Amino acid sequence: MDLDFTDDEINRYSRNILLAEIGGTGQAALRAARVLVVGAGGLGCPLVLYLAAAGIGTIGVVDDDAVELSNLQRQVAHTTARIGMAKVESLAVSVGALNPDTKLELHQTRLTAANVAGLVARYDLVCDGSDNFATRFLLNDACVLAKKVLVSAAVLRFDGQLSTFKPGGPCYRCLHPIAPPPGTVATCAEAGVLGAVTGVMGAMQATEVLKEVLGAGDSLSGRLLIWDALGARFHTVRLPRDPACPACGDHPAIHDLSAHG
C-alpha cells in the first residue's frame, strides 16, 4: 500500500490520521478505495461529499436525472444555478470544489439489468441511495451475485433506515423478500420527506462505508438501524439471514438478473 503522502494530503486529512483507528495506513486504504454510489439525490449528495472529504480515492456515481427546483430542499450538493444540469455533473462540480484529489466517475444512466453487473464489478463497495424498490432489489441481487458489500439507506417523511449487507447474508431480500406491489408504498414525492433527515442518513451511510473500508468498529451487517426523527429515537434490531431467502439463502433461486427484465 502506498504510504507516500504529499504535504497537502497530510494537512487535508490530519484529523483522520490522528485517529488511532485510521492513521497513515487507514488513510492510504481510503485513497485506494473505489466506491459506487447509486443515486445523486437526497442520500447521495451528503454521502458522496463526506466520502470525498474523507479521502476516498475513486467514487462512481450512477444517476440519470437532472437537477430540479424541488430537489434543493434536501439535495445539498446541487444549487439553484445548476437547475437543468445533469445531477452527476452537478455533483462533480461540488466534489471538485471540495476535494480535487477525489476522482469522480460519472455514469449518467439508469441502473438496469443490462448494465448493473458491469458497474458493480468495477468497484470495491456499493452504496444504495436510490428512491425506488425496483432499483433496490436489482442492486441487491447484483451485489449478492458479485459478492460485493452493499451499504443501503432509505428515508421517508421523518424516518430513516440503514444497514450493511455483506456476502453470505443477510441481504436486502432477508428484510424484504419481494417488492411491494406498485402504489402500495408511498414515495418521498408522494408522502414528503424532511430534507435534514436525508442529510443525517446520508452522513451515517458514509460513516458505515468508511468503517467497512477501514475495517474499524462494529459493522451493521446483521442489524437494521432505524431513526425516528420526530421522536428523537434511534434503535437497532437484529436482521438474521433468512435460510429461505431467494438471493442469499441456503438454496437460492436467483442465479442471474434475468428476472429484472
C-alpha atoms as a PDB file:
ATOM      1  CA  MET A   1       0.000   0.000   0.000  1.00  0.00           C
ATOM      2  CA  ASP A   2       1.283   3.430  -0.987  1.00  0.00           C
ATOM      3  CA  LEU A   3       2.003   5.405   2.196  1.00  0.00           C
ATOM      4  CA  ASP A   4       3.613   8.317   0.384  1.00  0.00           C
ATOM      5  CA  PHE A   5       1.513  11.412   1.109  1.00  0.00           C
ATOM      6  CA  THR A   6       2.048  14.957  -0.129  1.00  0.00           C
ATOM      7  CA  ASP A   7       2.207  17.784   2.389  1.00  0.00           C
ATOM      8  CA  ASP A   8      -1.215  18.922   1.213  1.00  0.00           C
ATOM      9  CA  GLU A   9      -2.672  15.436   1.794  1.00  0.00           C
ATOM     10  CA  ILE A  10      -1.200  15.265   5.291  1.00  0.00           C
ATOM     11  CA  ASN A  11      -2.671  18.659   6.084  1.00  0.00           C
ATOM     12  CA  ARG A  12      -6.063  17.911   4.499  1.00  0.00           C
ATOM     13  CA  TYR A  13      -6.520  14.563   6.257  1.00  0.00           C
ATOM     14  CA  SER A  14      -4.725  15.401   9.513  1.00  0.00           C
ATOM     15  CA  ARG A  15      -7.850  14.936  11.649  1.00  0.00           C
ATOM     16  CA  ASN A  16      -8.333  11.479  10.125  1.00  0.00           C
ATOM     17  CA  ILE A  17      -4.700  10.476  10.528  1.00  0.00           C
ATOM     18  CA  LEU A  18      -4.708  11.491  14.195  1.00  0.00           C
ATOM     19  CA  LEU A  19      -7.303   8.788  14.887  1.00  0.00           C
ATOM     20  CA  ALA A  20      -5.674   5.559  16.033  1.00  0.00           C
ATOM     21  CA  GLU A  21      -8.252   3.595  14.048  1.00  0.00           C
ATOM     22  CA  ILE A  22      -7.106   5.295  10.827  1.00  0.00           C
ATOM     23  CA  GLY A  23      -3.547   6.613  10.894  1.00  0.00           C
ATOM     24  CA  GLY A  24      -1.446   6.683   7.749  1.00  0.00           C
ATOM     25  CA  THR A  25      -2.268   3.106   6.766  1.00  0.00           C
ATOM     26  CA  GLY A  26      -6.005   3.696   7.016  1.00  0.00           C
ATOM     27  CA  GLN A  27      -5.788   6.933   5.068  1.00  0.00           C
ATOM     28  CA  ALA A  28      -3.906   5.099   2.333  1.00  0.00           C
ATOM     29  CA  ALA A  29      -6.696   2.492   2.277  1.00  0.00           C
ATOM     30  CA  LEU A  30      -9.285   5.242   1.834  1.00  0.00           C
ATOM     31  CA  ARG A  31      -7.276   6.721  -1.033  1.00  0.00           C
ATOM     32  CA  ALA A  32      -7.049   3.327  -2.741  1.00  0.00           C
ATOM     33  CA  ALA A  33     -10.762   2.531  -2.319  1.00  0.00           C
ATOM     34  CA  ARG A  34     -13.261   2.519  -5.177  1.00  0.00           C
ATOM     35  CA  VAL A  35     -16.887   3.116  -4.095  1.00  0.00           C
ATOM     36  CA  LEU A  36     -20.002   3.065  -6.287  1.00  0.00           C
ATOM     37  CA  VAL A  37     -22.929   5.287  -5.257  1.00  0.00           C
ATOM     38  CA  VAL A  38     -26.316   4.741  -6.890  1.00  0.00           C
ATOM     39  CA  GLY A  39     -28.334   7.952  -6.714  1.00  0.00           C
ATOM     40  CA  ALA A  40     -27.206  11.587  -6.645  1.00  0.00           C
ATOM     41  CA  GLY A  41     -30.181  12.849  -4.668  1.00  0.00           C
ATOM     42  CA  GLY A  42     -31.067  13.366  -1.008  1.00  0.00           C
ATOM     43  CA  LEU A  43     -28.914  10.477   0.245  1.00  0.00           C
ATOM     44  CA  GLY A  44     -26.296  10.518  -2.498  1.00  0.00           C
ATOM     45  CA  CYS A  45     -25.376  14.191  -2.069  1.00  0.00           C
ATOM     46  CA  PRO A  46     -24.196  14.082   1.576  1.00  0.00           C
ATOM     47  CA  LEU A  47     -22.865  10.547   1.088  1.00  0.00           C
ATOM     48  CA  VAL A  48     -20.612  11.475  -1.822  1.00  0.00           C
ATOM     49  CA  LEU A  49     -19.478  14.749  -0.236  1.00  0.00           C
ATOM     50  CA  TYR A  50     -18.425  13.055   3.001  1.00  0.00           C
ATOM     51  CA  LEU A  51     -16.695  10.208   1.154  1.00  0.00           C
ATOM     52  CA  ALA A  52     -14.762  12.730  -0.927  1.00  0.00           C
ATOM     53  CA  ALA A  53     -13.927  14.841   2.115  1.00  0.00           C
ATOM     54  CA  ALA A  54     -12.601  11.758   3.913  1.00  0.00           C
ATOM     55  CA  GLY A  55     -10.267  10.937   1.041  1.00  0.00           C
ATOM     56  CA  ILE A  56     -11.944   8.076  -0.829  1.00  0.00           C
ATOM     57  CA  GLY A  57      -9.849   7.924  -3.997  1.00  0.00           C
ATOM     58  CA  THR A  58     -12.455   6.989  -6.595  1.00  0.00           C
ATOM     59  CA  ILE A  59     -16.222   7.403  -6.412  1.00  0.00           C
ATOM     60  CA  GLY A  60     -18.554   6.251  -9.168  1.00  0.00           C
ATOM     61  CA  VAL A  61     -21.983   7.903  -9.284  1.00  0.00           C
ATOM     62  CA  VAL A  62     -24.989   6.477 -11.152  1.00  0.00           C
ATOM     63  CA  ASP A  63     -27.942   8.779 -11.864  1.00  0.00           C
ATOM     64  CA  ASP A  64     -29.845   9.763 -14.999  1.00  0.00           C
ATOM     65  CA  ASP A  65     -31.831  12.724 -13.638  1.00  0.00           C
ATOM     66  CA  ALA A  66     -31.341  16.480 -13.957  1.00  0.00           C
ATOM     67  CA  VAL A  67     -31.443  18.994 -11.101  1.00  0.00           C
ATOM     68  CA  GLU A  68     -34.913  20.409 -10.412  1.00  0.00           C
ATOM     69  CA  LEU A  69     -36.005  23.211  -8.103  1.00  0.00           C
ATOM     70  CA  SER A  70     -37.880  20.765  -5.857  1.00  0.00           C
ATOM     71  CA  ASN A  71     -34.633  18.826  -5.264  1.00  0.00           C
ATOM     72  CA  LEU A  72     -32.899  21.691  -3.480  1.00  0.00           C
ATOM     73  CA  GLN A  73     -34.827  21.259  -0.223  1.00  0.00           C
ATOM     74  CA  ARG A  74     -32.614  18.228   0.532  1.00  0.00           C
ATOM     75  CA  GLN A  75     -30.059  17.601  -2.241  1.00  0.00           C
ATOM     76  CA  VAL A  76     -27.417  19.902  -0.824  1.00  0.00           C
ATOM     77  CA  ALA A  77     -24.668  19.290  -3.390  1.00  0.00           C
ATOM     78  CA  HIS A  78     -26.794  20.942  -6.097  1.00  0.00           C
ATOM     79  CA  THR A  79     -27.548  24.646  -6.457  1.00  0.00           C
ATOM     80  CA  THR A  80     -30.179  26.933  -7.926  1.00  0.00           C
ATOM     81  CA  ALA A  81     -27.772  27.950 -10.685  1.00  0.00           C
ATOM     82  CA  ARG A  82     -27.464  24.312 -11.768  1.00  0.00           C
ATOM     83  CA  ILE A  83     -31.175  23.625 -12.321  1.00  0.00           C
ATOM     84  CA  GLY A  84     -31.401  21.643 -15.558  1.00  0.00           C
ATOM     85  CA  MET A  85     -27.846  20.283 -15.265  1.00  0.00           C
ATOM     86  CA  ALA A  86     -27.381  16.516 -15.018  1.00  0.00           C
ATOM     87  CA  LYS A  87     -27.140  15.580 -11.342  1.00  0.00           C
ATOM     88  CA  VAL A  88     -23.912  13.634 -11.838  1.00  0.00           C
ATOM     89  CA  GLU A  89     -22.313  16.669 -13.454  1.00  0.00           C
ATOM     90  CA  SER A  90     -23.582  19.000 -10.720  1.00  0.00           C
ATOM     91  CA  LEU A  91     -22.229  16.647  -8.075  1.00  0.00           C
ATOM     92  CA  ALA A  92     -18.873  16.579  -9.880  1.00  0.00           C
ATOM     93  CA  VAL A  93     -18.676  20.363  -9.633  1.00  0.00           C
ATOM     94  CA  SER A  94     -19.286  20.243  -5.869  1.00  0.00           C
ATOM     95  CA  VAL A  95     -16.823  17.405  -5.287  1.00  0.00           C
ATOM     96  CA  GLY A  96     -14.178  19.140  -7.401  1.00  0.00           C
ATOM     97  CA  ALA A  97     -14.526  22.271  -5.283  1.00  0.00           C
ATOM     98  CA  LEU A  98     -14.350  20.264  -2.051  1.00  0.00           C
ATOM     99  CA  ASN A  99     -11.545  17.819  -2.848  1.00  0.00           C
ATOM    100  CA  PRO A 100      -9.961  17.890  -6.316  1.00  0.00           C
ATOM    101  CA  ASP A 101      -7.910  14.796  -5.415  1.00  0.00           C
ATOM    102  CA  THR A 102     -11.005  12.578  -5.478  1.00  0.00           C
ATOM    103  CA  LYS A 103     -11.673  11.016  -8.878  1.00  0.00           C
ATOM    104  CA  LEU A 104     -15.370  11.033  -9.716  1.00  0.00           C
ATOM    105  CA  GLU A 105     -16.525   8.562 -12.365  1.00  0.00           C
ATOM    106  CA  LEU A 106     -19.852   9.712 -13.789  1.00  0.00           C
ATOM    107  CA  HIS A 107     -22.416   7.200 -15.039  1.00  0.00           C
ATOM    108  CA  GLN A 108     -25.287   9.278 -16.402  1.00  0.00           C
ATOM    109  CA  THR A 109     -27.617   6.351 -16.889  1.00  0.00           C
ATOM    110  CA  ARG A 110     -30.436   4.483 -15.215  1.00  0.00           C
ATOM    111  CA  LEU A 111     -29.356   1.306 -13.466  1.00  0.00           C
ATOM    112  CA  THR A 112     -30.674  -1.698 -15.395  1.00  0.00           C
ATOM    113  CA  ALA A 113     -30.241  -5.453 -15.513  1.00  0.00           C
ATOM    114  CA  ALA A 114     -28.099  -4.914 -18.611  1.00  0.00           C
ATOM    115  CA  ASN A 115     -25.531  -2.570 -17.014  1.00  0.00           C
ATOM    116  CA  VAL A 116     -25.565  -3.244 -13.271  1.00  0.00           C
ATOM    117  CA  ALA A 117     -23.172  -6.217 -13.233  1.00  0.00           C
ATOM    118  CA  GLY A 118     -20.552  -4.337 -15.224  1.00  0.00           C
ATOM    119  CA  LEU A 119     -20.818  -1.286 -12.974  1.00  0.00           C
ATOM    120  CA  VAL A 120     -20.708  -3.228  -9.700  1.00  0.00           C
ATOM    121  CA  ALA A 121     -17.668  -5.219 -10.880  1.00  0.00           C
ATOM    122  CA  ARG A 122     -15.598  -2.036 -11.218  1.00  0.00           C
ATOM    123  CA  TYR A 123     -15.841  -1.078  -7.536  1.00  0.00           C
ATOM    124  CA  ASP A 124     -14.862  -2.462  -4.127  1.00  0.00           C
ATOM    125  CA  LEU A 125     -18.037  -1.483  -2.316  1.00  0.00           C
ATOM    126  CA  VAL A 126     -21.515  -0.315  -3.351  1.00  0.00           C
ATOM    127  CA  CYS A 127     -23.936   2.201  -1.796  1.00  0.00           C
ATOM    128  CA  ASP A 128     -27.678   2.304  -2.414  1.00  0.00           C
ATOM    129  CA  GLY A 129     -29.112   5.807  -2.281  1.00  0.00           C
ATOM    130  CA  SER A 130     -31.907   5.106  -4.762  1.00  0.00           C
ATOM    131  CA  ASP A 131     -35.555   6.077  -4.368  1.00  0.00           C
ATOM    132  CA  ASN A 132     -37.454   3.076  -5.746  1.00  0.00           C
ATOM    133  CA  PHE A 133     -37.865  -0.605  -4.965  1.00  0.00           C
ATOM    134  CA  ALA A 134     -37.016  -1.830  -8.464  1.00  0.00           C
ATOM    135  CA  THR A 135     -33.509  -0.368  -8.226  1.00  0.00           C
ATOM    136  CA  ARG A 136     -33.043  -1.559  -4.656  1.00  0.00           C
ATOM    137  CA  PHE A 137     -33.874  -5.174  -5.494  1.00  0.00           C
ATOM    138  CA  LEU A 138     -31.800  -5.104  -8.679  1.00  0.00           C
ATOM    139  CA  LEU A 139     -28.779  -3.679  -6.866  1.00  0.00           C
ATOM    140  CA  ASN A 140     -29.109  -6.148  -4.001  1.00  0.00           C
ATOM    141  CA  ASP A 141     -29.239  -9.129  -6.339  1.00  0.00           C
ATOM    142  CA  ALA A 142     -26.281  -7.862  -8.362  1.00  0.00           C
ATOM    143  CA  CYS A 143     -24.189  -7.385  -5.194  1.00  0.00           C
ATOM    144  CA  VAL A 144     -25.105 -10.831  -3.842  1.00  0.00           C
ATOM    145  CA  LEU A 145     -24.098 -12.444  -7.137  1.00  0.00           C
ATOM    146  CA  ALA A 146     -20.870 -10.411  -7.303  1.00  0.00           C
ATOM    147  CA  LYS A 147     -20.113 -10.920  -3.598  1.00  0.00           C
ATOM    148  CA  LYS A 148     -19.827  -7.177  -3.008  1.00  0.00           C
ATOM    149  CA  VAL A 149     -20.625  -5.287   0.199  1.00  0.00           C
ATOM    150  CA  LEU A 150     -23.749  -3.119  -0.116  1.00  0.00           C
ATOM    151  CA  VAL A 151     -24.427  -0.235   2.292  1.00  0.00           C
ATOM    152  CA  SER A 152     -28.086   0.721   1.980  1.00  0.00           C
ATOM    153  CA  ALA A 153     -30.055   3.661   3.397  1.00  0.00           C
ATOM    154  CA  ALA A 154     -33.665   4.710   2.978  1.00  0.00           C
ATOM    155  CA  VAL A 155     -35.755   7.695   4.080  1.00  0.00           C
ATOM    156  CA  LEU A 156     -39.413   8.694   4.106  1.00  0.00           C
ATOM    157  CA  ARG A 157     -41.125  11.576   5.890  1.00  0.00           C
ATOM    158  CA  PHE A 158     -39.314  11.806   9.262  1.00  0.00           C
ATOM    159  CA  ASP A 159     -37.836   8.300   9.337  1.00  0.00           C
ATOM    160  CA  GLY A 160     -34.638   6.657   8.183  1.00  0.00           C
ATOM    161  CA  GLN A 161     -33.225   3.133   7.946  1.00  0.00           C
ATOM    162  CA  LEU A 162     -29.680   1.899   7.409  1.00  0.00           C
ATOM    163  CA  SER A 163     -27.957  -1.464   7.105  1.00  0.00           C
ATOM    164  CA  THR A 164     -24.902  -3.117   5.581  1.00  0.00           C
ATOM    165  CA  PHE A 165     -25.327  -6.270   3.531  1.00  0.00           C
ATOM    166  CA  LYS A 166     -22.259  -8.479   3.183  1.00  0.00           C
ATOM    167  CA  PRO A 167     -21.511 -11.633   1.176  1.00  0.00           C
ATOM    168  CA  GLY A 168     -23.028 -14.619   2.949  1.00  0.00           C
ATOM    169  CA  GLY A 169     -26.054 -12.626   4.085  1.00  0.00           C
ATOM    170  CA  PRO A 170     -28.260 -11.311   5.366  1.00  0.00           C
ATOM    171  CA  CYS A 171     -29.153  -9.295   2.284  1.00  0.00           C
ATOM    172  CA  TYR A 172     -31.876  -6.795   1.427  1.00  0.00           C
ATOM    173  CA  ARG A 173     -34.233  -9.629   0.492  1.00  0.00           C
ATOM    174  CA  CYS A 174     -33.928 -11.029   4.016  1.00  0.00           C
ATOM    175  CA  LEU A 175     -35.624  -7.787   5.085  1.00  0.00           C
ATOM    176  CA  HIS A 176     -37.995  -7.518   2.104  1.00  0.00           C
ATOM    177  CA  PRO A 177     -38.263 -10.850   0.220  1.00  0.00           C
ATOM    178  CA  ILE A 178     -40.237  -9.330  -2.656  1.00  0.00           C
ATOM    179  CA  ALA A 179     -41.033  -5.840  -3.834  1.00  0.00           C
ATOM    180  CA  PRO A 180     -44.392  -4.455  -2.684  1.00  0.00           C
ATOM    181  CA  PRO A 181     -46.988  -4.039  -5.445  1.00  0.00           C
ATOM    182  CA  PRO A 182     -46.753  -0.687  -7.238  1.00  0.00           C
ATOM    183  CA  GLY A 183     -48.707   2.044  -5.490  1.00  0.00           C
ATOM    184  CA  THR A 184     -48.892   0.316  -2.096  1.00  0.00           C
ATOM    185  CA  VAL A 185     -45.968   2.213  -0.532  1.00  0.00           C
ATOM    186  CA  ALA A 186     -45.793   5.989  -0.860  1.00  0.00           C
ATOM    187  CA  THR A 187     -42.662   7.594  -2.269  1.00  0.00           C
ATOM    188  CA  CYS A 188     -40.989  10.753  -0.980  1.00  0.00           C
ATOM    189  CA  ALA A 189     -42.558  12.597  -3.912  1.00  0.00           C
ATOM    190  CA  GLU A 190     -45.977  11.475  -2.677  1.00  0.00           C
ATOM    191  CA  ALA A 191     -45.593  11.497   1.123  1.00  0.00           C
ATOM    192  CA  GLY A 192     -42.813  14.044   1.563  1.00  0.00           C
ATOM    193  CA  VAL A 193     -39.523  13.942   3.444  1.00  0.00           C
ATOM    194  CA  LEU A 194     -37.768  16.376   5.773  1.00  0.00           C
ATOM    195  CA  GLY A 195     -34.589  17.412   3.988  1.00  0.00           C
ATOM    196  CA  ALA A 196     -32.410  17.255   7.090  1.00  0.00           C
ATOM    197  CA  VAL A 197     -33.374  13.587   7.573  1.00  0.00           C
ATOM    198  CA  THR A 198     -31.756  12.705   4.248  1.00  0.00           C
ATOM    199  CA  GLY A 199     -28.656  14.612   5.352  1.00  0.00           C
ATOM    200  CA  VAL A 200     -28.341  12.643   8.577  1.00  0.00           C
ATOM    201  CA  MET A 201     -28.913   9.290   6.901  1.00  0.00           C
ATOM    202  CA  GLY A 202     -26.523  10.089   4.048  1.00  0.00           C
ATOM    203  CA  ALA A 203     -23.821  11.065   6.541  1.00  0.00           C
ATOM    204  CA  MET A 204     -24.433   7.893   8.549  1.00  0.00           C
ATOM    205  CA  GLN A 205     -24.264   5.860   5.343  1.00  0.00           C
ATOM    206  CA  ALA A 206     -20.895   7.475   4.576  1.00  0.00           C
ATOM    207  CA  THR A 207     -19.695   6.579   8.081  1.00  0.00           C
ATOM    208  CA  GLU A 208     -20.567   2.922   7.551  1.00  0.00           C
ATOM    209  CA  VAL A 209     -18.763   2.915   4.191  1.00  0.00           C
ATOM    210  CA  LEU A 210     -15.636   4.375   5.768  1.00  0.00           C
ATOM    211  CA  LYS A 211     -15.795   1.812   8.581  1.00  0.00           C
ATOM    212  CA  GLU A 212     -16.011  -1.013   6.050  1.00  0.00           C
ATOM    213  CA  VAL A 213     -13.022   0.290   4.085  1.00  0.00           C
ATOM    214  CA  LEU A 214     -11.003   0.731   7.268  1.00  0.00           C
ATOM    215  CA  GLY A 215     -12.189  -2.454   8.981  1.00  0.00           C
ATOM    216  CA  ALA A 216     -12.963  -0.310  12.024  1.00  0.00           C
ATOM    217  CA  GLY A 217     -15.710  -0.596  14.617  1.00  0.00           C
ATOM    218  CA  ASP A 218     -18.788  -2.815  14.528  1.00  0.00           C
ATOM    219  CA  SER A 219     -20.394  -3.442  11.156  1.00  0.00           C
ATOM    220  CA  LEU A 220     -24.142  -3.005  10.703  1.00  0.00           C
ATOM    221  CA  SER A 221     -24.235  -6.358   8.919  1.00  0.00           C
ATOM    222  CA  GLY A 222     -26.983  -8.412  10.526  1.00  0.00           C
ATOM    223  CA  ARG A 223     -28.570  -5.333  12.063  1.00  0.00           C
ATOM    224  CA  LEU A 224     -31.029  -2.686  10.899  1.00  0.00           C
ATOM    225  CA  LEU A 225     -30.703   0.815  12.345  1.00  0.00           C
ATOM    226  CA  ILE A 226     -33.963   2.775  12.485  1.00  0.00           C
ATOM    227  CA  TRP A 227     -34.230   6.505  13.212  1.00  0.00           C
ATOM    228  CA  ASP A 228     -37.453   8.225  14.239  1.00  0.00           C
ATOM    229  CA  ALA A 229     -36.540  11.883  13.846  1.00  0.00           C
ATOM    230  CA  LEU A 230     -39.783  13.247  15.329  1.00  0.00           C
ATOM    231  CA  GLY A 231     -39.355  11.099  18.421  1.00  0.00           C
ATOM    232  CA  ALA A 232     -35.568  11.738  18.526  1.00  0.00           C
ATOM    233  CA  ARG A 233     -35.026   7.985  18.902  1.00  0.00           C
ATOM    234  CA  PHE A 234     -32.586   5.537  17.341  1.00  0.00           C
ATOM    235  CA  HIS A 235     -32.945   1.823  17.786  1.00  0.00           C
ATOM    236  CA  THR A 236     -31.306  -1.200  16.219  1.00  0.00           C
ATOM    237  CA  VAL A 237     -32.961  -4.536  15.526  1.00  0.00           C
ATOM    238  CA  ARG A 238     -31.407  -7.861  14.572  1.00  0.00           C
ATOM    239  CA  LEU A 239     -31.655  -8.818  10.925  1.00  0.00           C
ATOM    240  CA  PRO A 240     -30.736 -12.506  10.622  1.00  0.00           C
ATOM    241  CA  ARG A 241     -30.061 -14.220   7.328  1.00  0.00           C
ATOM    242  CA  ASP A 242     -33.191 -15.958   6.060  1.00  0.00           C
ATOM    243  CA  PRO A 243     -32.301 -19.554   5.069  1.00  0.00           C
ATOM    244  CA  ALA A 244     -35.180 -19.390   2.575  1.00  0.00           C
ATOM    245  CA  CYS A 245     -34.037 -16.079   1.055  1.00  0.00           C
ATOM    246  CA  PRO A 246     -34.218 -16.320  -2.749  1.00  0.00           C
ATOM    247  CA  ALA A 247     -30.934 -14.391  -3.095  1.00  0.00           C
ATOM    248  CA  CYS A 248     -28.621 -15.399  -0.228  1.00  0.00           C
ATOM    249  CA  GLY A 249     -30.441 -18.379   1.333  1.00  0.00           C
ATOM    250  CA  ASP A 250     -29.356 -21.994   1.579  1.00  0.00           C
ATOM    251  CA  HIS A 251     -30.908 -22.805  -1.783  1.00  0.00           C
ATOM    252  CA  PRO A 252     -31.000 -19.510  -3.690  1.00  0.00           C
ATOM    253  CA  ALA A 253     -33.440 -19.201  -6.574  1.00  0.00           C
ATOM    254  CA  ILE A 254     -31.751 -16.151  -8.071  1.00  0.00           C
ATOM    255  CA  HIS A 255     -28.765 -17.145 -10.214  1.00  0.00           C
ATOM    256  CA  ASP A 256     -28.777 -14.223 -12.637  1.00  0.00           C
ATOM    257  CA  LEU A 257     -30.535 -10.912 -13.220  1.00  0.00           C
ATOM    258  CA  SER A 258     -32.883 -12.055 -15.977  1.00  0.00           C
ATOM    259  CA  ALA A 259     -35.963 -11.716 -13.752  1.00  0.00           C
ATOM    260  CA  HIS A 260     -35.342  -7.957 -13.574  1.00  0.00           C
ATOM    261  CA  GLY A 261     -36.018  -7.561 -17.292  1.00  0.00           C
END
